[in-house]
Structure formats: structure tokens, C-alpha cells
Amino acid sequence: MSERWRTALGDAFAGLQAERLPPGQHVSPGPLAGAIEHAGLGRVDAFRVGGTPQVVRRTRRSLADVPDEPFKVCVQRHGRSVVRQGGTEIVLRPGDIAIYDTSRPYELRFDETWEVLAMTLPRRALAASDAVIERSMAHGWTAFDGRTGVLGHLLGSAVRQTPQAGGATHLGEAAIQLLSSLVGGDDLVDPGEALRARIIAYVEAHATDPGLGHDAVAAAHGLSPRSLHRLFESEPLSAMAHLREFRLMRIRDALLDPARAAYSTASIAGRWGYPDPSHFARTFRSRFGITPGALRKQALTSV
């Protein structure tokens, strides 16, 4: 299945490459696999794509095969992904959307079984300046923006039942208008809100780095530690509190997963930035009201 999947992915997306996750990732072993469905919508191509944990990359070598420098939009349906292009990293959860430029190298990382809806469109289709488009590619849009749900529904419906030629073109133009409203709406976004979103995406993407701290996050975004503190002082969670919550939830998910029963609690905690077992156990119990060992025992005995 691995080679068939690589071929199908490369054919559908002009040489896009699929690779296994690097060694040491806590995922179920197995061959690369996936499936693609496609619908042509005039200037837009819509896809439903899903598969096993993997990394897909657009390399410099394959850039010559990209037609008309299209943009690609990714609507996360199931699972979680990290989109990396240049110095930008965007974490997508179900309902979230990101846009990126397929004429440049990029990478999508899927740590679990996943499904996305995607659409490609020519660069000239978006009636927005290059500066506005570049800003739009520095962050994603969350499921809380109602337009993301409408766009996802439109693309999903088109792939499930390809409309007649005239209707397909109308759907494609509607998708372009929705995307244009998201991209153009960046001019109305509070700069502080956009920066907070980028910082949260950054700490989630680097959550396995045990050295990630307040000063390092501030420096990565050209901020002083004090400025980073002020940026989040009116928010429910600081940047570091968000990182702590994200790590603990990922650890909790792993402890509840029977497929990861062979991994020790210490190794799972260590992967998510908790090398000290005693400190981790206290922090985990304070957050969830139960020790990591007791939670895992409950999960395994209930299977």
C-alpha cells in the first residue's frame, strides 16, 4: 500500500511526497496508507484526503511540477496536523483552516490518523494584495469563525457528489469568495490577537522541547519577556500556562490509549517536557485529581 499511496499522492498534488514519521514517535507501526477523492470546480479543485500517521512534503526538487503557482487551503476534518512553511508553523485541529503557497517548500505533519479537505486555486484568483495574502499565511483560522465551517461543508459536499459542470463552477467561485473574505478580513484582526494565535501555535508545535520556556518563546517572536507577559495578561492562560495545559492533555490522551500501553509513564511524560517523574506526578495530580498510574490502571482495566 505504501508505494500505491505515494504514487497517488504525488499524482494528485504534483509530486507531493509522503514519508514515515521519524523514529521514536509514539504511533502504531504500519505501512503508509491513505485515500484521495477529487472534484473539479472550475478554477478550484477540491479534495478529501486521509491516511495513517505520516509527513507529507513539497520539496524544492518538485517545485517545477507545480502548475500556475496555486495556493492550497487545508480544512482539518479529523485528527491534528502541523503545517510548516518557511518560518511559520500552524497547528490545525478539527474545523481549523490554513492557507499556504505550493510554489514554495512546505510540510504537513500528521501524528495520528487524519482526514482533511483541501482545495487548490490559482494565485490570481484571490483579489488581495501580496502583503495581505502573506499575512494570511502566517496563521490559521479556527472553527469558531463560522466561515470555516461553511467552506468545509461546501468542499465536502462537492467531493461527495460532484455537481454538473455549471454548478461545479458556481461552487468553485463561491469557495473563492469565502476564502477571499477570510484573507481580506485580516485587515480587521487585532494585531495582538493575531500575534497571540501565532505564539500559541508555536508553543504547541514545539511542546516536546524540554527547553521551551518563557524567554525562549519571547525571543522566537522578537519580544522581550516582559512584552510576552503583557501580551497575555488579559487572557485566561499565559503562554506558559497554555503550554503546560497542552502537554498535560497530550500525556493524558497517551495514558488512556491502549495502543501505547507498552510505553512507560516516564517515557511519555519525558517526551512532552517532563523529565522529572516526581514533578510530573505532582503536576498531573494537581490538574486531573488522580495520579498518572491510577488513571492508566483504570483505562487498561476497562478495556
C-alpha atoms as a PDB file:
ATOM      1  CA  MET A   1       0.000   0.000   0.000  1.00  0.00           C
ATOM      2  CA  SER A   2       2.895   2.393   0.758  1.00  0.00           C
ATOM      3  CA  GLU A   3       4.043   2.745  -2.850  1.00  0.00           C
ATOM      4  CA  ARG A   4       0.495   2.996  -4.232  1.00  0.00           C
ATOM      5  CA  TRP A   5      -0.254   5.736  -1.732  1.00  0.00           C
ATOM      6  CA  ARG A   6       2.938   7.639  -2.535  1.00  0.00           C
ATOM      7  CA  THR A   7       2.132   7.448  -6.232  1.00  0.00           C
ATOM      8  CA  ALA A   8      -1.483   8.562  -5.750  1.00  0.00           C
ATOM      9  CA  LEU A   9      -0.451  11.491  -3.569  1.00  0.00           C
ATOM     10  CA  GLY A  10       2.277  12.575  -5.978  1.00  0.00           C
ATOM     11  CA  ASP A  11      -0.073  12.368  -8.961  1.00  0.00           C
ATOM     12  CA  ALA A  12      -2.841  14.345  -7.254  1.00  0.00           C
ATOM     13  CA  PHE A  13      -0.595  17.088  -5.869  1.00  0.00           C
ATOM     14  CA  ALA A  14       2.239  17.471  -8.392  1.00  0.00           C
ATOM     15  CA  GLY A  15       4.965  15.416  -6.766  1.00  0.00           C
ATOM     16  CA  LEU A  16       3.991  15.841  -3.104  1.00  0.00           C
ATOM     17  CA  GLN A  17       5.968  13.248  -1.116  1.00  0.00           C
ATOM     18  CA  ALA A  18       4.804  11.049   1.771  1.00  0.00           C
ATOM     19  CA  GLU A  19       7.257   9.801   4.406  1.00  0.00           C
ATOM     20  CA  ARG A  20       7.062   7.862   7.631  1.00  0.00           C
ATOM     21  CA  LEU A  21       7.298   9.802  10.875  1.00  0.00           C
ATOM     22  CA  PRO A  22      10.831   9.930  12.333  1.00  0.00           C
ATOM     23  CA  PRO A  23      11.860   7.080  14.689  1.00  0.00           C
ATOM     24  CA  GLY A  24      10.769   7.378  18.288  1.00  0.00           C
ATOM     25  CA  GLN A  25       7.286   8.726  17.618  1.00  0.00           C
ATOM     26  CA  HIS A  26       4.553   7.112  19.706  1.00  0.00           C
ATOM     27  CA  VAL A  27       2.367   5.897  16.868  1.00  0.00           C
ATOM     28  CA  SER A  28       1.175   2.478  15.855  1.00  0.00           C
ATOM     29  CA  PRO A  29       3.595   0.827  13.402  1.00  0.00           C
ATOM     30  CA  GLY A  30       2.418   0.017   9.900  1.00  0.00           C
ATOM     31  CA  PRO A  31       2.819   0.966   6.255  1.00  0.00           C
ATOM     32  CA  LEU A  32       1.978   4.376   4.881  1.00  0.00           C
ATOM     33  CA  ALA A  33      -1.589   4.408   3.622  1.00  0.00           C
ATOM     34  CA  GLY A  34      -4.174   6.906   2.519  1.00  0.00           C
ATOM     35  CA  ALA A  35      -7.039   7.716   0.180  1.00  0.00           C
ATOM     36  CA  ILE A  36      -7.924  10.656  -2.060  1.00  0.00           C
ATOM     37  CA  GLU A  37     -11.201  11.812  -3.600  1.00  0.00           C
ATOM     38  CA  HIS A  38     -11.335  14.706  -6.072  1.00  0.00           C
ATOM     39  CA  ALA A  39     -13.837  17.072  -7.667  1.00  0.00           C
ATOM     40  CA  GLY A  40     -13.106  19.772 -10.258  1.00  0.00           C
ATOM     41  CA  LEU A  41     -14.912  23.052  -9.542  1.00  0.00           C
ATOM     42  CA  GLY A  42     -13.870  25.382 -12.345  1.00  0.00           C
ATOM     43  CA  ARG A  43     -10.834  27.325 -11.160  1.00  0.00           C
ATOM     44  CA  VAL A  44     -10.879  25.306  -7.929  1.00  0.00           C
ATOM     45  CA  ASP A  45     -10.002  21.670  -7.316  1.00  0.00           C
ATOM     46  CA  ALA A  46     -11.497  20.101  -4.194  1.00  0.00           C
ATOM     47  CA  PHE A  47     -10.108  17.034  -2.428  1.00  0.00           C
ATOM     48  CA  ARG A  48     -10.851  14.787   0.512  1.00  0.00           C
ATOM     49  CA  VAL A  49      -7.592  13.243   1.746  1.00  0.00           C
ATOM     50  CA  GLY A  50      -6.922  10.986   4.724  1.00  0.00           C
ATOM     51  CA  GLY A  51      -4.422   8.456   5.939  1.00  0.00           C
ATOM     52  CA  THR A  52      -2.188   6.968   8.575  1.00  0.00           C
ATOM     53  CA  PRO A  53       0.341   8.982  10.630  1.00  0.00           C
ATOM     54  CA  GLN A  54       2.964  10.474   8.289  1.00  0.00           C
ATOM     55  CA  VAL A  55       4.703  13.576   6.993  1.00  0.00           C
ATOM     56  CA  VAL A  56       3.951  14.952   3.521  1.00  0.00           C
ATOM     57  CA  ARG A  57       6.391  17.390   1.926  1.00  0.00           C
ATOM     58  CA  ARG A  58       6.746  19.681  -1.046  1.00  0.00           C
ATOM     59  CA  THR A  59      10.480  19.696  -1.748  1.00  0.00           C
ATOM     60  CA  ARG A  60      12.456  22.166  -3.815  1.00  0.00           C
ATOM     61  CA  ARG A  61      13.034  19.450  -6.408  1.00  0.00           C
ATOM     62  CA  SER A  62       9.293  19.095  -7.067  1.00  0.00           C
ATOM     63  CA  LEU A  63       8.526  22.826  -7.349  1.00  0.00           C
ATOM     64  CA  ALA A  64       8.895  22.811 -11.135  1.00  0.00           C
ATOM     65  CA  ASP A  65       5.891  20.486 -11.361  1.00  0.00           C
ATOM     66  CA  VAL A  66       3.502  22.887  -9.582  1.00  0.00           C
ATOM     67  CA  PRO A  67       1.023  24.345 -12.113  1.00  0.00           C
ATOM     68  CA  ASP A  68       0.190  28.052 -12.111  1.00  0.00           C
ATOM     69  CA  GLU A  69       1.621  28.592  -8.613  1.00  0.00           C
ATOM     70  CA  PRO A  70      -1.617  27.603  -6.858  1.00  0.00           C
ATOM     71  CA  PHE A  71      -2.492  28.270  -3.287  1.00  0.00           C
ATOM     72  CA  LYS A  72      -3.699  25.338  -1.248  1.00  0.00           C
ATOM     73  CA  VAL A  73      -6.252  25.523   1.563  1.00  0.00           C
ATOM     74  CA  CYS A  74      -6.380  22.777   4.196  1.00  0.00           C
ATOM     75  CA  VAL A  75      -9.535  22.241   6.273  1.00  0.00           C
ATOM     76  CA  GLN A  76      -8.865  19.799   9.110  1.00  0.00           C
ATOM     77  CA  ARG A  77     -11.688  17.268   9.488  1.00  0.00           C
ATOM     78  CA  HIS A  78     -10.256  14.625  11.834  1.00  0.00           C
ATOM     79  CA  GLY A  79      -7.027  14.346  13.775  1.00  0.00           C
ATOM     80  CA  ARG A  80      -4.446  17.080  14.178  1.00  0.00           C
ATOM     81  CA  SER A  81      -1.819  18.447  11.817  1.00  0.00           C
ATOM     82  CA  VAL A  82       1.077  20.883  11.851  1.00  0.00           C
ATOM     83  CA  VAL A  83       1.650  22.973   8.722  1.00  0.00           C
ATOM     84  CA  ARG A  84       5.193  24.296   8.281  1.00  0.00           C
ATOM     85  CA  GLN A  85       6.293  26.730   5.577  1.00  0.00           C
ATOM     86  CA  GLY A  86       9.331  28.965   5.896  1.00  0.00           C
ATOM     87  CA  GLY A  87       9.444  30.106   9.500  1.00  0.00           C
ATOM     88  CA  THR A  88       5.700  29.646  10.069  1.00  0.00           C
ATOM     89  CA  GLU A  89       4.121  26.740  11.938  1.00  0.00           C
ATOM     90  CA  ILE A  90       0.342  26.399  12.205  1.00  0.00           C
ATOM     91  CA  VAL A  91      -1.394  23.760  14.319  1.00  0.00           C
ATOM     92  CA  LEU A  92      -4.760  22.647  12.951  1.00  0.00           C
ATOM     93  CA  ARG A  93      -7.496  20.847  14.866  1.00  0.00           C
ATOM     94  CA  PRO A  94     -10.866  19.715  13.511  1.00  0.00           C
ATOM     95  CA  GLY A  95     -12.613  22.662  11.871  1.00  0.00           C
ATOM     96  CA  ASP A  96      -9.468  24.802  11.554  1.00  0.00           C
ATOM     97  CA  ILE A  97      -8.159  26.126   8.234  1.00  0.00           C
ATOM     98  CA  ALA A  98      -4.761  27.195   6.901  1.00  0.00           C
ATOM     99  CA  ILE A  99      -3.650  28.529   3.525  1.00  0.00           C
ATOM    100  CA  TYR A 100      -0.167  28.035   2.084  1.00  0.00           C
ATOM    101  CA  ASP A 101       1.730  28.528  -1.152  1.00  0.00           C
ATOM    102  CA  THR A 102       2.534  25.356  -3.080  1.00  0.00           C
ATOM    103  CA  SER A 103       5.163  27.177  -5.142  1.00  0.00           C
ATOM    104  CA  ARG A 104       7.389  27.080  -2.029  1.00  0.00           C
ATOM    105  CA  PRO A 105       8.588  24.129   0.028  1.00  0.00           C
ATOM    106  CA  TYR A 106       6.237  23.111   2.833  1.00  0.00           C
ATOM    107  CA  GLU A 107       5.491  20.234   5.169  1.00  0.00           C
ATOM    108  CA  LEU A 108       2.382  18.801   6.810  1.00  0.00           C
ATOM    109  CA  ARG A 109       2.885  16.526   9.777  1.00  0.00           C
ATOM    110  CA  PHE A 110       0.147  14.131  10.932  1.00  0.00           C
ATOM    111  CA  ASP A 111       0.853  12.363  14.233  1.00  0.00           C
ATOM    112  CA  GLU A 112      -2.370  10.344  14.166  1.00  0.00           C
ATOM    113  CA  THR A 113      -4.984   9.042  11.748  1.00  0.00           C
ATOM    114  CA  TRP A 114      -6.287  12.066   9.884  1.00  0.00           C
ATOM    115  CA  GLU A 115      -8.614  13.478   7.277  1.00  0.00           C
ATOM    116  CA  VAL A 116      -8.555  16.875   5.613  1.00  0.00           C
ATOM    117  CA  LEU A 117     -10.495  18.688   2.932  1.00  0.00           C
ATOM    118  CA  ALA A 118      -8.259  20.630   0.582  1.00  0.00           C
ATOM    119  CA  MET A 119      -8.738  22.991  -2.284  1.00  0.00           C
ATOM    120  CA  THR A 120      -6.251  24.429  -4.746  1.00  0.00           C
ATOM    121  CA  LEU A 121      -6.714  27.643  -6.702  1.00  0.00           C
ATOM    122  CA  PRO A 122      -4.546  29.933  -8.859  1.00  0.00           C
ATOM    123  CA  ARG A 123      -2.690  32.791  -7.214  1.00  0.00           C
ATOM    124  CA  ARG A 124      -4.616  35.337  -9.308  1.00  0.00           C
ATOM    125  CA  ALA A 125      -7.983  34.048  -8.060  1.00  0.00           C
ATOM    126  CA  LEU A 126      -7.677  35.891  -4.739  1.00  0.00           C
ATOM    127  CA  ALA A 127      -8.423  39.592  -5.146  1.00  0.00           C
ATOM    128  CA  ALA A 128      -5.992  40.645  -2.414  1.00  0.00           C
ATOM    129  CA  SER A 129      -2.569  42.245  -2.301  1.00  0.00           C
ATOM    130  CA  ASP A 130       0.546  40.132  -1.855  1.00  0.00           C
ATOM    131  CA  ALA A 131       1.073  41.708   1.580  1.00  0.00           C
ATOM    132  CA  VAL A 132      -2.412  40.724   2.739  1.00  0.00           C
ATOM    133  CA  ILE A 133      -2.012  37.186   1.398  1.00  0.00           C
ATOM    134  CA  GLU A 134       1.390  36.822   3.085  1.00  0.00           C
ATOM    135  CA  ARG A 135      -0.131  37.877   6.412  1.00  0.00           C
ATOM    136  CA  SER A 136      -2.941  35.379   5.969  1.00  0.00           C
ATOM    137  CA  MET A 137      -0.428  32.545   5.595  1.00  0.00           C
ATOM    138  CA  ALA A 138       1.159  33.368   8.968  1.00  0.00           C
ATOM    139  CA  HIS A 139      -1.793  31.991  10.957  1.00  0.00           C
ATOM    140  CA  GLY A 140      -4.793  29.722  10.641  1.00  0.00           C
ATOM    141  CA  TRP A 141      -8.497  30.333  11.139  1.00  0.00           C
ATOM    142  CA  THR A 142     -10.248  28.422  13.889  1.00  0.00           C
ATOM    143  CA  ALA A 143     -13.527  26.549  13.849  1.00  0.00           C
ATOM    144  CA  PHE A 144     -15.023  29.441  15.849  1.00  0.00           C
ATOM    145  CA  ASP A 145     -15.127  31.514  12.651  1.00  0.00           C
ATOM    146  CA  GLY A 146     -18.387  30.457  11.009  1.00  0.00           C
ATOM    147  CA  ARG A 147     -16.970  30.885   7.517  1.00  0.00           C
ATOM    148  CA  THR A 148     -14.560  27.992   8.066  1.00  0.00           C
ATOM    149  CA  GLY A 149     -17.487  25.647   8.664  1.00  0.00           C
ATOM    150  CA  VAL A 150     -19.283  26.875   5.545  1.00  0.00           C
ATOM    151  CA  LEU A 151     -16.177  26.403   3.403  1.00  0.00           C
ATOM    152  CA  GLY A 152     -15.592  22.917   4.799  1.00  0.00           C
ATOM    153  CA  HIS A 153     -19.205  21.924   4.173  1.00  0.00           C
ATOM    154  CA  LEU A 154     -19.045  23.250   0.608  1.00  0.00           C
ATOM    155  CA  LEU A 155     -15.874  21.331  -0.220  1.00  0.00           C
ATOM    156  CA  GLY A 156     -17.065  18.145   1.485  1.00  0.00           C
ATOM    157  CA  SER A 157     -20.369  18.200  -0.351  1.00  0.00           C
ATOM    158  CA  ALA A 158     -18.671  18.814  -3.701  1.00  0.00           C
ATOM    159  CA  VAL A 159     -16.331  15.839  -3.236  1.00  0.00           C
ATOM    160  CA  ARG A 160     -19.103  13.512  -2.072  1.00  0.00           C
ATOM    161  CA  GLN A 161     -21.316  14.268  -5.060  1.00  0.00           C
ATOM    162  CA  THR A 162     -19.599  16.065  -7.929  1.00  0.00           C
ATOM    163  CA  PRO A 163     -22.077  18.601  -9.368  1.00  0.00           C
ATOM    164  CA  GLN A 164     -22.811  19.199 -13.048  1.00  0.00           C
ATOM    165  CA  ALA A 165     -20.330  21.378 -14.950  1.00  0.00           C
ATOM    166  CA  GLY A 166     -22.188  24.676 -14.491  1.00  0.00           C
ATOM    167  CA  GLY A 167     -22.969  24.017 -10.855  1.00  0.00           C
ATOM    168  CA  ALA A 168     -19.385  22.941 -10.203  1.00  0.00           C
ATOM    169  CA  THR A 169     -18.068  26.268 -11.470  1.00  0.00           C
ATOM    170  CA  HIS A 170     -20.519  28.189  -9.286  1.00  0.00           C
ATOM    171  CA  LEU A 171     -19.441  26.179  -6.235  1.00  0.00           C
ATOM    172  CA  GLY A 172     -15.809  26.867  -7.028  1.00  0.00           C
ATOM    173  CA  GLU A 173     -16.435  30.608  -7.285  1.00  0.00           C
ATOM    174  CA  ALA A 174     -18.380  30.518  -4.003  1.00  0.00           C
ATOM    175  CA  ALA A 175     -15.401  28.804  -2.350  1.00  0.00           C
ATOM    176  CA  ILE A 176     -13.096  31.524  -3.707  1.00  0.00           C
ATOM    177  CA  GLN A 177     -15.373  34.240  -2.323  1.00  0.00           C
ATOM    178  CA  LEU A 178     -15.442  32.593   1.108  1.00  0.00           C
ATOM    179  CA  LEU A 179     -11.674  32.291   1.150  1.00  0.00           C
ATOM    180  CA  SER A 180     -11.292  35.889  -0.034  1.00  0.00           C
ATOM    181  CA  SER A 181     -13.440  37.069   2.869  1.00  0.00           C
ATOM    182  CA  LEU A 182     -11.192  35.189   5.292  1.00  0.00           C
ATOM    183  CA  VAL A 183      -7.997  36.530   3.745  1.00  0.00           C
ATOM    184  CA  GLY A 184      -9.260  40.103   3.349  1.00  0.00           C
ATOM    185  CA  GLY A 185     -10.644  40.052   6.868  1.00  0.00           C
ATOM    186  CA  ASP A 186      -7.088  40.028   8.207  1.00  0.00           C
ATOM    187  CA  ASP A 187      -7.107  43.826   7.889  1.00  0.00           C
ATOM    188  CA  LEU A 188      -9.748  43.839  10.639  1.00  0.00           C
ATOM    189  CA  VAL A 189      -7.910  41.489  13.002  1.00  0.00           C
ATOM    190  CA  ASP A 190      -6.409  42.989  16.140  1.00  0.00           C
ATOM    191  CA  PRO A 191      -2.608  42.635  15.738  1.00  0.00           C
ATOM    192  CA  GLY A 192      -2.318  41.476  19.352  1.00  0.00           C
ATOM    193  CA  GLU A 193      -4.858  38.728  18.754  1.00  0.00           C
ATOM    194  CA  ALA A 194      -3.035  37.544  15.644  1.00  0.00           C
ATOM    195  CA  LEU A 195       0.303  37.503  17.497  1.00  0.00           C
ATOM    196  CA  ARG A 196      -1.192  35.540  20.395  1.00  0.00           C
ATOM    197  CA  ALA A 197      -2.547  32.987  17.930  1.00  0.00           C
ATOM    198  CA  ARG A 198       0.890  32.597  16.346  1.00  0.00           C
ATOM    199  CA  ILE A 199       2.546  32.199  19.743  1.00  0.00           C
ATOM    200  CA  ILE A 200       0.043  29.554  20.848  1.00  0.00           C
ATOM    201  CA  ALA A 201       0.594  27.675  17.579  1.00  0.00           C
ATOM    202  CA  TYR A 202       4.353  27.918  18.137  1.00  0.00           C
ATOM    203  CA  VAL A 203       4.330  26.542  21.694  1.00  0.00           C
ATOM    204  CA  GLU A 204       2.077  23.666  20.627  1.00  0.00           C
ATOM    205  CA  ALA A 205       4.323  22.815  17.674  1.00  0.00           C
ATOM    206  CA  HIS A 206       7.401  22.831  19.975  1.00  0.00           C
ATOM    207  CA  ALA A 207       5.742  21.277  23.019  1.00  0.00           C
ATOM    208  CA  THR A 208       8.080  18.272  23.005  1.00  0.00           C
ATOM    209  CA  ASP A 209      11.116  20.545  23.523  1.00  0.00           C
ATOM    210  CA  PRO A 210      12.038  20.280  27.221  1.00  0.00           C
ATOM    211  CA  GLY A 211      13.960  23.567  26.998  1.00  0.00           C
ATOM    212  CA  LEU A 212      10.973  25.586  25.799  1.00  0.00           C
ATOM    213  CA  GLY A 213      10.355  28.388  28.259  1.00  0.00           C
ATOM    214  CA  HIS A 214       9.005  31.921  28.561  1.00  0.00           C
ATOM    215  CA  ASP A 215      12.225  33.630  27.457  1.00  0.00           C
ATOM    216  CA  ALA A 216      12.749  31.277  24.504  1.00  0.00           C
ATOM    217  CA  VAL A 217       9.193  31.833  23.245  1.00  0.00           C
ATOM    218  CA  ALA A 218       9.584  35.592  23.584  1.00  0.00           C
ATOM    219  CA  ALA A 219      12.875  35.577  21.677  1.00  0.00           C
ATOM    220  CA  ALA A 220      11.414  33.432  18.879  1.00  0.00           C
ATOM    221  CA  HIS A 221       8.816  36.152  18.254  1.00  0.00           C
ATOM    222  CA  GLY A 222      11.084  39.185  18.638  1.00  0.00           C
ATOM    223  CA  LEU A 223       9.622  40.103  22.027  1.00  0.00           C
ATOM    224  CA  SER A 224      11.120  40.841  25.416  1.00  0.00           C
ATOM    225  CA  PRO A 225       9.993  38.508  28.233  1.00  0.00           C
ATOM    226  CA  ARG A 226       8.054  41.409  29.752  1.00  0.00           C
ATOM    227  CA  SER A 227       6.289  42.135  26.447  1.00  0.00           C
ATOM    228  CA  LEU A 228       5.239  38.493  26.157  1.00  0.00           C
ATOM    229  CA  HIS A 229       3.827  38.635  29.668  1.00  0.00           C
ATOM    230  CA  ARG A 230       1.860  41.810  28.877  1.00  0.00           C
ATOM    231  CA  LEU A 231       0.522  40.294  25.643  1.00  0.00           C
ATOM    232  CA  PHE A 232      -1.243  37.541  27.605  1.00  0.00           C
ATOM    233  CA  GLU A 233      -2.037  39.315  30.875  1.00  0.00           C
ATOM    234  CA  SER A 234      -5.715  39.830  29.919  1.00  0.00           C
ATOM    235  CA  GLU A 235      -6.101  36.235  28.647  1.00  0.00           C
ATOM    236  CA  PRO A 236      -7.354  33.274  30.726  1.00  0.00           C
ATOM    237  CA  LEU A 237      -3.992  31.494  30.282  1.00  0.00           C
ATOM    238  CA  SER A 238      -0.479  32.825  29.821  1.00  0.00           C
ATOM    239  CA  ALA A 239       1.660  31.391  27.043  1.00  0.00           C
ATOM    240  CA  MET A 240       3.401  29.060  29.503  1.00  0.00           C
ATOM    241  CA  ALA A 241       0.120  28.030  31.144  1.00  0.00           C
ATOM    242  CA  HIS A 242      -1.203  27.168  27.699  1.00  0.00           C
ATOM    243  CA  LEU A 243       1.923  25.100  27.026  1.00  0.00           C
ATOM    244  CA  ARG A 244       1.502  23.272  30.343  1.00  0.00           C
ATOM    245  CA  GLU A 245      -2.156  22.528  29.642  1.00  0.00           C
ATOM    246  CA  PHE A 246      -1.389  21.337  26.113  1.00  0.00           C
ATOM    247  CA  ARG A 247       1.357  18.999  27.345  1.00  0.00           C
ATOM    248  CA  LEU A 248      -0.748  17.546  30.134  1.00  0.00           C
ATOM    249  CA  MET A 249      -3.677  16.871  27.803  1.00  0.00           C
ATOM    250  CA  ARG A 250      -1.402  15.094  25.307  1.00  0.00           C
ATOM    251  CA  ILE A 251       0.059  12.986  28.132  1.00  0.00           C
ATOM    252  CA  ARG A 252      -3.410  12.170  29.432  1.00  0.00           C
ATOM    253  CA  ASP A 253      -4.507  11.086  25.937  1.00  0.00           C
ATOM    254  CA  ALA A 254      -1.446   8.824  25.666  1.00  0.00           C
ATOM    255  CA  LEU A 255      -2.049   7.231  29.074  1.00  0.00           C
ATOM    256  CA  LEU A 256      -5.647   6.458  28.101  1.00  0.00           C
ATOM    257  CA  ASP A 257      -4.633   4.925  24.758  1.00  0.00           C
ATOM    258  CA  PRO A 258      -4.358   1.101  24.919  1.00  0.00           C
ATOM    259  CA  ALA A 259      -2.133   1.185  21.819  1.00  0.00           C
ATOM    260  CA  ARG A 260       0.525   2.962  23.891  1.00  0.00           C
ATOM    261  CA  ALA A 261       0.413   0.601  26.871  1.00  0.00           C
ATOM    262  CA  ALA A 262       3.941  -0.643  26.092  1.00  0.00           C
ATOM    263  CA  TYR A 263       5.391   2.821  26.757  1.00  0.00           C
ATOM    264  CA  SER A 264       6.208   3.693  30.354  1.00  0.00           C
ATOM    265  CA  THR A 265       4.558   6.682  32.002  1.00  0.00           C
ATOM    266  CA  ALA A 266       8.009   8.216  32.490  1.00  0.00           C
ATOM    267  CA  SER A 267       8.864   7.941  28.771  1.00  0.00           C
ATOM    268  CA  ILE A 268       5.560   9.525  27.740  1.00  0.00           C
ATOM    269  CA  ALA A 269       5.961  12.355  30.253  1.00  0.00           C
ATOM    270  CA  GLY A 270       9.574  12.859  29.214  1.00  0.00           C
ATOM    271  CA  ARG A 271       8.598  13.202  25.564  1.00  0.00           C
ATOM    272  CA  TRP A 272       6.257  16.057  26.496  1.00  0.00           C
ATOM    273  CA  GLY A 273       8.778  18.053  28.517  1.00  0.00           C
ATOM    274  CA  TYR A 274       8.546  16.443  31.982  1.00  0.00           C
ATOM    275  CA  PRO A 275      11.893  14.683  32.600  1.00  0.00           C
ATOM    276  CA  ASP A 276      11.447  14.687  36.418  1.00  0.00           C
ATOM    277  CA  PRO A 277       8.919  11.931  37.366  1.00  0.00           C
ATOM    278  CA  SER A 278       8.179  13.381  40.818  1.00  0.00           C
ATOM    279  CA  HIS A 279       7.485  16.870  39.499  1.00  0.00           C
ATOM    280  CA  PHE A 280       5.364  15.424  36.713  1.00  0.00           C
ATOM    281  CA  ALA A 281       3.297  13.267  39.081  1.00  0.00           C
ATOM    282  CA  ARG A 282       2.525  16.255  41.326  1.00  0.00           C
ATOM    283  CA  THR A 283       1.621  18.470  38.381  1.00  0.00           C
ATOM    284  CA  PHE A 284      -0.571  15.802  36.787  1.00  0.00           C
ATOM    285  CA  ARG A 285      -2.451  15.064  40.015  1.00  0.00           C
ATOM    286  CA  SER A 286      -2.990  18.765  40.663  1.00  0.00           C
ATOM    287  CA  ARG A 287      -4.539  19.154  37.205  1.00  0.00           C
ATOM    288  CA  PHE A 288      -6.643  15.981  36.967  1.00  0.00           C
ATOM    289  CA  GLY A 289      -7.181  14.940  40.587  1.00  0.00           C
ATOM    290  CA  ILE A 290      -5.660  11.493  40.014  1.00  0.00           C
ATOM    291  CA  THR A 291      -2.139  10.110  39.708  1.00  0.00           C
ATOM    292  CA  PRO A 292      -0.870   9.115  36.249  1.00  0.00           C
ATOM    293  CA  GLY A 293      -0.524   5.484  37.377  1.00  0.00           C
ATOM    294  CA  ALA A 294      -4.072   5.306  38.721  1.00  0.00           C
ATOM    295  CA  LEU A 295      -5.518   6.852  35.553  1.00  0.00           C
ATOM    296  CA  ARG A 296      -3.643   4.392  33.354  1.00  0.00           C
ATOM    297  CA  LYS A 297      -4.711   1.436  35.510  1.00  0.00           C
ATOM    298  CA  GLN A 298      -8.358   2.495  35.200  1.00  0.00           C
ATOM    299  CA  ALA A 299      -8.021   2.832  31.420  1.00  0.00           C
ATOM    300  CA  LEU A 300      -6.351  -0.555  30.926  1.00  0.00           C
ATOM    301  CA  THR A 301      -8.705  -2.491  33.213  1.00  0.00           C
ATOM    302  CA  SER A 302     -11.760  -1.046  31.451  1.00  0.00           C
ATOM    303  CA  VAL A 303     -10.660  -2.303  28.018  1.00  0.00           C
END
